[in-house]
N, C-alpha and C. Protein backbone atom coordinates (compact mmCIF):
# COMPACT_ATOMS: atom_id res chain seq x y z
N MET A 1 -51.96 80.37 72.50
CA MET A 1 -52.09 80.29 73.92
C MET A 1 -51.85 78.84 74.34
N PRO A 2 -50.82 78.59 75.13
CA PRO A 2 -50.50 77.21 75.50
C PRO A 2 -51.55 76.56 76.40
N GLN A 3 -52.31 77.36 77.15
CA GLN A 3 -53.34 76.77 78.01
C GLN A 3 -54.43 76.12 77.17
N ARG A 4 -54.79 76.74 76.06
CA ARG A 4 -55.81 76.18 75.18
C ARG A 4 -55.33 74.85 74.61
N ALA A 5 -54.05 74.77 74.26
CA ALA A 5 -53.49 73.52 73.74
C ALA A 5 -53.47 72.44 74.83
N LEU A 6 -53.21 72.82 76.06
CA LEU A 6 -53.22 71.87 77.17
C LEU A 6 -54.64 71.34 77.39
N TRP A 7 -55.62 72.23 77.32
CA TRP A 7 -57.02 71.84 77.46
C TRP A 7 -57.41 70.86 76.36
N ALA A 8 -57.08 71.20 75.12
CA ALA A 8 -57.40 70.33 73.99
C ALA A 8 -56.68 68.98 74.11
N SER A 9 -55.44 69.01 74.57
CA SER A 9 -54.69 67.76 74.75
C SER A 9 -55.34 66.84 75.78
N ALA A 10 -55.82 67.43 76.86
CA ALA A 10 -56.50 66.63 77.89
C ALA A 10 -57.80 66.03 77.34
N LEU A 11 -58.51 66.81 76.52
CA LEU A 11 -59.74 66.28 75.91
C LEU A 11 -59.43 65.16 74.93
N VAL A 12 -58.37 65.32 74.15
CA VAL A 12 -57.96 64.26 73.21
C VAL A 12 -57.55 63.02 73.99
N ALA A 13 -56.81 63.21 75.08
CA ALA A 13 -56.40 62.06 75.91
C ALA A 13 -57.62 61.34 76.47
N ALA A 14 -58.63 62.09 76.88
CA ALA A 14 -59.85 61.47 77.39
C ALA A 14 -60.57 60.70 76.30
N ALA A 15 -60.63 61.27 75.10
CA ALA A 15 -61.29 60.58 73.99
C ALA A 15 -60.54 59.30 73.61
N LEU A 16 -59.21 59.38 73.59
CA LEU A 16 -58.42 58.18 73.28
C LEU A 16 -58.55 57.12 74.38
N ALA A 17 -58.62 57.57 75.62
CA ALA A 17 -58.81 56.62 76.72
C ALA A 17 -60.18 55.96 76.63
N ASP A 18 -61.18 56.72 76.21
CA ASP A 18 -62.50 56.12 75.98
C ASP A 18 -62.43 55.06 74.89
N ALA A 19 -61.72 55.38 73.83
CA ALA A 19 -61.60 54.43 72.71
C ALA A 19 -60.86 53.17 73.14
N ALA A 20 -59.93 53.31 74.09
CA ALA A 20 -59.15 52.18 74.57
C ALA A 20 -59.83 51.48 75.76
N HIS A 21 -61.05 51.91 76.08
CA HIS A 21 -61.82 51.35 77.20
C HIS A 21 -61.06 51.45 78.52
N ALA A 22 -60.52 52.65 78.76
CA ALA A 22 -59.82 52.95 80.02
C ALA A 22 -60.54 54.13 80.68
N PRO A 23 -61.71 53.88 81.29
CA PRO A 23 -62.51 54.98 81.82
C PRO A 23 -61.84 55.76 82.96
N SER A 24 -61.03 55.09 83.77
CA SER A 24 -60.38 55.83 84.86
C SER A 24 -59.35 56.81 84.32
N LEU A 25 -58.64 56.42 83.30
CA LEU A 25 -57.67 57.33 82.68
C LEU A 25 -58.39 58.53 82.05
N ALA A 26 -59.50 58.28 81.40
CA ALA A 26 -60.29 59.36 80.80
C ALA A 26 -60.80 60.31 81.87
N PHE A 27 -61.25 59.76 82.99
CA PHE A 27 -61.74 60.59 84.08
C PHE A 27 -60.64 61.51 84.61
N TYR A 28 -59.46 60.96 84.84
CA TYR A 28 -58.38 61.78 85.38
C TYR A 28 -57.87 62.81 84.36
N ALA A 29 -57.94 62.49 83.09
CA ALA A 29 -57.59 63.48 82.06
C ALA A 29 -58.59 64.63 82.08
N LEU A 30 -59.85 64.31 82.22
CA LEU A 30 -60.87 65.35 82.31
C LEU A 30 -60.75 66.15 83.59
N LEU A 31 -60.43 65.46 84.68
CA LEU A 31 -60.25 66.15 85.95
C LEU A 31 -59.10 67.15 85.87
N ALA A 32 -58.05 66.79 85.16
CA ALA A 32 -56.92 67.72 84.97
C ALA A 32 -57.29 68.86 84.04
N ALA A 33 -58.22 68.63 83.13
CA ALA A 33 -58.61 69.66 82.16
C ALA A 33 -59.48 70.74 82.77
N VAL A 34 -60.21 70.44 83.84
CA VAL A 34 -61.17 71.39 84.39
C VAL A 34 -60.53 72.71 84.84
N PRO A 35 -59.47 72.72 85.67
CA PRO A 35 -58.91 74.02 86.06
C PRO A 35 -58.30 74.78 84.90
N VAL A 36 -57.71 74.08 83.96
CA VAL A 36 -57.15 74.75 82.78
C VAL A 36 -58.29 75.36 81.97
N ALA A 37 -59.38 74.61 81.80
CA ALA A 37 -60.53 75.11 81.06
C ALA A 37 -61.12 76.34 81.74
N ALA A 38 -61.19 76.32 83.05
CA ALA A 38 -61.72 77.47 83.78
C ALA A 38 -60.83 78.69 83.60
N ALA A 39 -59.53 78.52 83.66
CA ALA A 39 -58.61 79.65 83.49
C ALA A 39 -58.71 80.24 82.08
N VAL A 40 -58.75 79.38 81.07
CA VAL A 40 -58.86 79.87 79.69
C VAL A 40 -60.18 80.61 79.50
N THR A 41 -61.25 80.04 80.04
CA THR A 41 -62.57 80.65 79.88
C THR A 41 -62.62 82.01 80.58
N LEU A 42 -62.07 82.11 81.77
CA LEU A 42 -62.06 83.40 82.46
C LEU A 42 -61.28 84.44 81.68
N MET A 43 -60.18 84.04 81.08
CA MET A 43 -59.40 84.98 80.29
C MET A 43 -60.20 85.45 79.06
N ILE A 44 -60.89 84.54 78.41
CA ILE A 44 -61.64 84.89 77.21
C ILE A 44 -62.85 85.76 77.57
N VAL A 45 -63.50 85.46 78.68
CA VAL A 45 -64.61 86.30 79.12
C VAL A 45 -64.09 87.69 79.47
N GLY A 46 -62.90 87.77 80.04
CA GLY A 46 -62.29 89.07 80.30
C GLY A 46 -62.05 89.86 79.03
N LEU A 47 -61.64 89.17 77.97
CA LEU A 47 -61.47 89.84 76.68
C LEU A 47 -62.81 90.35 76.16
N ALA A 48 -63.86 89.58 76.36
CA ALA A 48 -65.19 90.01 75.92
C ALA A 48 -65.64 91.24 76.69
N VAL A 49 -65.32 91.28 77.98
CA VAL A 49 -65.67 92.45 78.78
C VAL A 49 -64.90 93.68 78.29
N ASP A 50 -63.65 93.46 77.88
CA ASP A 50 -62.83 94.55 77.35
C ASP A 50 -63.19 94.88 75.90
N GLU A 51 -64.16 94.16 75.34
CA GLU A 51 -64.65 94.39 73.98
C GLU A 51 -63.58 94.19 72.92
N VAL A 52 -62.80 93.14 73.06
CA VAL A 52 -61.83 92.79 72.04
C VAL A 52 -62.59 92.17 70.88
N LEU A 53 -62.13 92.42 69.66
CA LEU A 53 -62.80 91.97 68.45
C LEU A 53 -63.07 90.47 68.47
N GLY A 54 -64.34 90.08 68.35
CA GLY A 54 -64.73 88.68 68.26
C GLY A 54 -64.71 87.91 69.57
N ALA A 55 -64.46 88.56 70.68
CA ALA A 55 -64.32 87.85 71.95
C ALA A 55 -65.66 87.39 72.51
N SER A 56 -66.76 88.02 72.14
CA SER A 56 -68.04 87.60 72.70
C SER A 56 -68.43 86.22 72.19
N ALA A 57 -68.26 85.96 70.91
CA ALA A 57 -68.55 84.62 70.37
C ALA A 57 -67.58 83.59 70.95
N ARG A 58 -66.34 83.99 71.10
CA ARG A 58 -65.34 83.09 71.68
C ARG A 58 -65.68 82.76 73.12
N SER A 59 -66.19 83.74 73.86
CA SER A 59 -66.52 83.47 75.27
C SER A 59 -67.70 82.51 75.38
N VAL A 60 -68.67 82.62 74.47
CA VAL A 60 -69.80 81.68 74.49
C VAL A 60 -69.31 80.27 74.19
N LEU A 61 -68.45 80.12 73.19
CA LEU A 61 -67.90 78.80 72.87
C LEU A 61 -67.06 78.25 74.01
N SER A 62 -66.27 79.09 74.63
CA SER A 62 -65.41 78.64 75.72
C SER A 62 -66.24 78.24 76.94
N LEU A 63 -67.29 79.01 77.24
CA LEU A 63 -68.16 78.65 78.35
C LEU A 63 -68.88 77.34 78.07
N THR A 64 -69.29 77.13 76.83
CA THR A 64 -69.93 75.87 76.45
C THR A 64 -68.95 74.71 76.62
N ALA A 65 -67.73 74.88 76.13
CA ALA A 65 -66.73 73.82 76.24
C ALA A 65 -66.38 73.54 77.69
N LEU A 66 -66.31 74.58 78.52
CA LEU A 66 -66.05 74.39 79.95
C LEU A 66 -67.17 73.57 80.58
N GLY A 67 -68.41 73.94 80.29
CA GLY A 67 -69.54 73.19 80.84
C GLY A 67 -69.54 71.74 80.40
N LEU A 68 -69.22 71.51 79.14
CA LEU A 68 -69.17 70.13 78.64
C LEU A 68 -68.02 69.33 79.28
N THR A 69 -66.89 69.99 79.51
CA THR A 69 -65.76 69.32 80.16
C THR A 69 -66.12 68.91 81.58
N VAL A 70 -66.74 69.83 82.31
CA VAL A 70 -67.16 69.52 83.69
C VAL A 70 -68.23 68.43 83.68
N ALA A 71 -69.18 68.51 82.75
CA ALA A 71 -70.23 67.51 82.67
C ALA A 71 -69.66 66.12 82.36
N ALA A 72 -68.71 66.07 81.44
CA ALA A 72 -68.10 64.78 81.09
C ALA A 72 -67.41 64.16 82.29
N ALA A 73 -66.70 64.97 83.07
CA ALA A 73 -66.04 64.45 84.27
C ALA A 73 -67.07 64.03 85.32
N THR A 74 -68.14 64.81 85.44
CA THR A 74 -69.17 64.52 86.44
C THR A 74 -69.92 63.23 86.12
N PHE A 75 -70.26 63.02 84.87
CA PHE A 75 -71.03 61.83 84.49
C PHE A 75 -70.23 60.54 84.66
N ARG A 76 -68.93 60.62 84.48
CA ARG A 76 -68.17 59.37 84.57
C ARG A 76 -67.60 59.12 85.96
N GLY A 77 -67.60 60.11 86.83
CA GLY A 77 -67.06 59.95 88.18
C GLY A 77 -67.64 58.79 88.96
N PRO A 78 -68.97 58.69 89.08
CA PRO A 78 -69.54 57.60 89.87
C PRO A 78 -69.36 56.20 89.25
N LEU A 79 -69.05 56.14 87.98
CA LEU A 79 -68.96 54.85 87.30
C LEU A 79 -67.53 54.35 87.09
N ILE A 80 -66.55 55.01 87.71
CA ILE A 80 -65.16 54.59 87.54
C ILE A 80 -64.95 53.17 88.05
N ALA A 81 -65.47 52.89 89.23
CA ALA A 81 -65.26 51.56 89.82
C ALA A 81 -65.90 50.46 88.97
N ALA A 82 -67.02 50.78 88.33
CA ALA A 82 -67.70 49.79 87.50
C ALA A 82 -67.01 49.58 86.16
N GLY A 83 -66.15 50.52 85.79
CA GLY A 83 -65.44 50.41 84.52
C GLY A 83 -66.30 50.71 83.31
N GLU A 84 -67.40 51.43 83.54
CA GLU A 84 -68.30 51.77 82.45
C GLU A 84 -67.97 53.15 81.90
N ILE A 85 -68.28 53.33 80.61
CA ILE A 85 -68.12 54.64 79.98
C ILE A 85 -69.51 55.10 79.55
N PRO A 86 -70.08 56.07 80.25
CA PRO A 86 -71.40 56.55 79.87
C PRO A 86 -71.36 57.22 78.49
N THR A 87 -72.35 56.94 77.68
CA THR A 87 -72.40 57.50 76.33
C THR A 87 -72.45 59.02 76.37
N ILE A 88 -73.21 59.56 77.32
CA ILE A 88 -73.33 61.02 77.41
C ILE A 88 -71.99 61.66 77.74
N ALA A 89 -71.17 60.97 78.53
CA ALA A 89 -69.85 61.50 78.88
C ALA A 89 -68.93 61.53 77.66
N SER A 90 -68.96 60.47 76.86
CA SER A 90 -68.14 60.45 75.65
C SER A 90 -68.60 61.51 74.66
N THR A 91 -69.91 61.68 74.55
CA THR A 91 -70.46 62.71 73.67
C THR A 91 -70.04 64.10 74.13
N ALA A 92 -70.05 64.31 75.44
CA ALA A 92 -69.65 65.62 75.99
C ALA A 92 -68.18 65.91 75.71
N VAL A 93 -67.34 64.88 75.75
CA VAL A 93 -65.91 65.07 75.45
C VAL A 93 -65.73 65.50 74.00
N VAL A 94 -66.40 64.81 73.10
CA VAL A 94 -66.28 65.14 71.67
C VAL A 94 -66.83 66.54 71.40
N ALA A 95 -67.97 66.87 72.00
CA ALA A 95 -68.56 68.20 71.80
C ALA A 95 -67.66 69.30 72.38
N ALA A 96 -67.06 69.04 73.55
CA ALA A 96 -66.15 70.02 74.14
C ALA A 96 -64.93 70.23 73.26
N LEU A 97 -64.42 69.14 72.71
CA LEU A 97 -63.26 69.26 71.81
C LEU A 97 -63.62 70.06 70.57
N GLY A 98 -64.82 69.85 70.06
CA GLY A 98 -65.27 70.64 68.90
C GLY A 98 -65.42 72.11 69.23
N ALA A 99 -65.95 72.41 70.41
CA ALA A 99 -66.11 73.82 70.81
C ALA A 99 -64.75 74.48 71.02
N VAL A 100 -63.80 73.76 71.60
CA VAL A 100 -62.45 74.32 71.78
C VAL A 100 -61.80 74.56 70.42
N ALA A 101 -61.98 73.62 69.51
CA ALA A 101 -61.40 73.80 68.16
C ALA A 101 -62.01 74.99 67.45
N LEU A 102 -63.32 75.15 67.54
CA LEU A 102 -63.98 76.28 66.89
C LEU A 102 -63.56 77.60 67.52
N GLU A 103 -63.44 77.61 68.84
CA GLU A 103 -62.98 78.83 69.52
C GLU A 103 -61.56 79.18 69.12
N THR A 104 -60.71 78.16 68.95
CA THR A 104 -59.34 78.39 68.51
C THR A 104 -59.30 78.98 67.10
N LEU A 105 -60.16 78.47 66.23
CA LEU A 105 -60.24 79.02 64.87
C LEU A 105 -60.71 80.47 64.89
N LEU A 106 -61.69 80.78 65.73
CA LEU A 106 -62.15 82.17 65.85
C LEU A 106 -61.05 83.07 66.41
N ALA A 107 -60.28 82.54 67.35
CA ALA A 107 -59.18 83.34 67.90
C ALA A 107 -58.14 83.63 66.83
N ALA A 108 -57.83 82.62 66.01
CA ALA A 108 -56.86 82.83 64.94
C ALA A 108 -57.39 83.80 63.90
N ALA A 109 -58.67 83.67 63.57
CA ALA A 109 -59.26 84.60 62.60
C ALA A 109 -59.30 86.02 63.15
N GLY A 110 -59.61 86.15 64.44
CA GLY A 110 -59.62 87.47 65.07
C GLY A 110 -58.26 88.11 65.10
N ALA A 111 -57.24 87.30 65.31
CA ALA A 111 -55.86 87.82 65.31
C ALA A 111 -55.48 88.30 63.92
N ARG A 112 -55.92 87.56 62.89
CA ARG A 112 -55.61 87.99 61.52
C ARG A 112 -56.33 89.28 61.17
N VAL A 113 -57.59 89.41 61.61
CA VAL A 113 -58.34 90.63 61.35
C VAL A 113 -57.72 91.79 62.10
N ALA A 114 -57.34 91.56 63.34
CA ALA A 114 -56.72 92.62 64.13
C ALA A 114 -55.40 93.07 63.52
N ASP A 115 -54.66 92.15 62.93
CA ASP A 115 -53.41 92.51 62.27
C ASP A 115 -53.66 93.29 60.98
N ALA A 116 -54.78 93.00 60.31
CA ALA A 116 -55.07 93.65 59.04
C ALA A 116 -55.64 95.06 59.23
N VAL A 117 -56.32 95.30 60.35
CA VAL A 117 -56.90 96.61 60.60
C VAL A 117 -55.79 97.53 61.07
N PRO A 118 -55.64 98.69 60.41
CA PRO A 118 -54.57 99.59 60.84
C PRO A 118 -54.84 100.12 62.25
N ALA A 119 -53.79 100.25 62.98
CA ALA A 119 -53.90 100.75 64.35
C ALA A 119 -54.31 102.22 64.33
N GLU A 120 -55.03 102.63 65.34
CA GLU A 120 -55.44 104.02 65.44
C GLU A 120 -54.21 104.89 65.68
N ARG A 121 -54.12 105.95 64.88
CA ARG A 121 -52.97 106.83 65.05
C ARG A 121 -53.13 107.63 66.33
N PRO A 122 -52.03 107.86 67.03
CA PRO A 122 -52.14 108.68 68.24
C PRO A 122 -52.52 110.11 67.87
N ARG A 123 -53.31 110.70 68.72
CA ARG A 123 -53.75 112.09 68.47
C ARG A 123 -52.59 113.05 68.71
N ALA A 124 -52.56 114.10 67.92
CA ALA A 124 -51.51 115.10 68.08
C ALA A 124 -51.76 115.88 69.35
N ARG A 125 -50.71 116.13 70.06
CA ARG A 125 -50.81 116.93 71.27
C ARG A 125 -50.89 118.39 70.88
N PRO A 126 -51.61 119.16 71.68
CA PRO A 126 -51.64 120.60 71.37
C PRO A 126 -50.25 121.20 71.54
N ALA A 127 -50.00 122.22 70.74
CA ALA A 127 -48.69 122.89 70.80
C ALA A 127 -48.50 123.54 72.16
N PRO A 128 -47.29 123.54 72.68
CA PRO A 128 -47.06 124.19 73.98
C PRO A 128 -47.33 125.68 73.88
N ALA A 129 -47.71 126.23 74.99
CA ALA A 129 -48.03 127.66 75.02
C ALA A 129 -46.77 128.47 74.80
N ALA A 130 -46.97 129.65 74.24
CA ALA A 130 -45.84 130.56 74.02
C ALA A 130 -45.36 131.10 75.36
N ALA A 131 -44.21 131.72 75.37
CA ALA A 131 -43.57 132.14 76.62
C ALA A 131 -44.44 133.08 77.44
N GLY A 132 -45.16 133.98 76.87
CA GLY A 132 -45.94 134.95 77.64
C GLY A 132 -47.38 134.55 77.84
N ASP A 133 -47.80 133.40 77.36
CA ASP A 133 -49.20 133.01 77.42
C ASP A 133 -49.67 132.62 78.83
N ASP A 134 -48.77 132.29 79.70
CA ASP A 134 -49.20 131.84 81.00
C ASP A 134 -49.29 132.96 82.02
N VAL A 135 -49.18 134.20 81.63
CA VAL A 135 -49.29 135.35 82.52
C VAL A 135 -50.77 135.60 82.76
N PRO A 136 -51.20 135.67 84.02
CA PRO A 136 -52.61 135.92 84.30
C PRO A 136 -53.04 137.29 83.80
N LEU A 137 -54.32 137.39 83.43
CA LEU A 137 -54.83 138.64 82.91
C LEU A 137 -54.91 139.70 84.01
N GLU A 138 -55.25 139.30 85.22
CA GLU A 138 -55.32 140.25 86.31
C GLU A 138 -54.14 140.01 87.25
N ARG A 139 -53.55 141.09 87.65
CA ARG A 139 -52.44 140.97 88.58
C ARG A 139 -52.96 141.13 89.98
N VAL A 140 -52.47 140.28 90.86
CA VAL A 140 -52.87 140.36 92.27
C VAL A 140 -51.90 141.31 92.97
N ALA A 141 -52.41 142.27 93.73
CA ALA A 141 -51.58 143.24 94.39
C ALA A 141 -50.96 142.72 95.65
């Protein structure tokens, strides 16, 4: 899923910006990640509602990562002008990246399991009725 890769890329960009002491760049990377994170999370929660194999654990991880992404952007927003990087914001970025990575691994494992499980065979349709079977038992005068 390319959206998940975009989300992870924005988190990596934020972490690298933190390492380079560029808090405004990290903030804008996180700000860009929020709508992508929300879209991915909604899709995964939809899979959980549809009871796709392993989607419930994936939805918990995705919701956690979404919350951490929003929290990281929220914590650093007021401090952009000061040029400070709050420790809790950096921690939230790393934790969100870990949750996205774990969710990606679960998605890959679920896809492998789904490929290994044989698909349900379609049920046989009943044989069509014989030519005289559709004649009513009682005749209407």
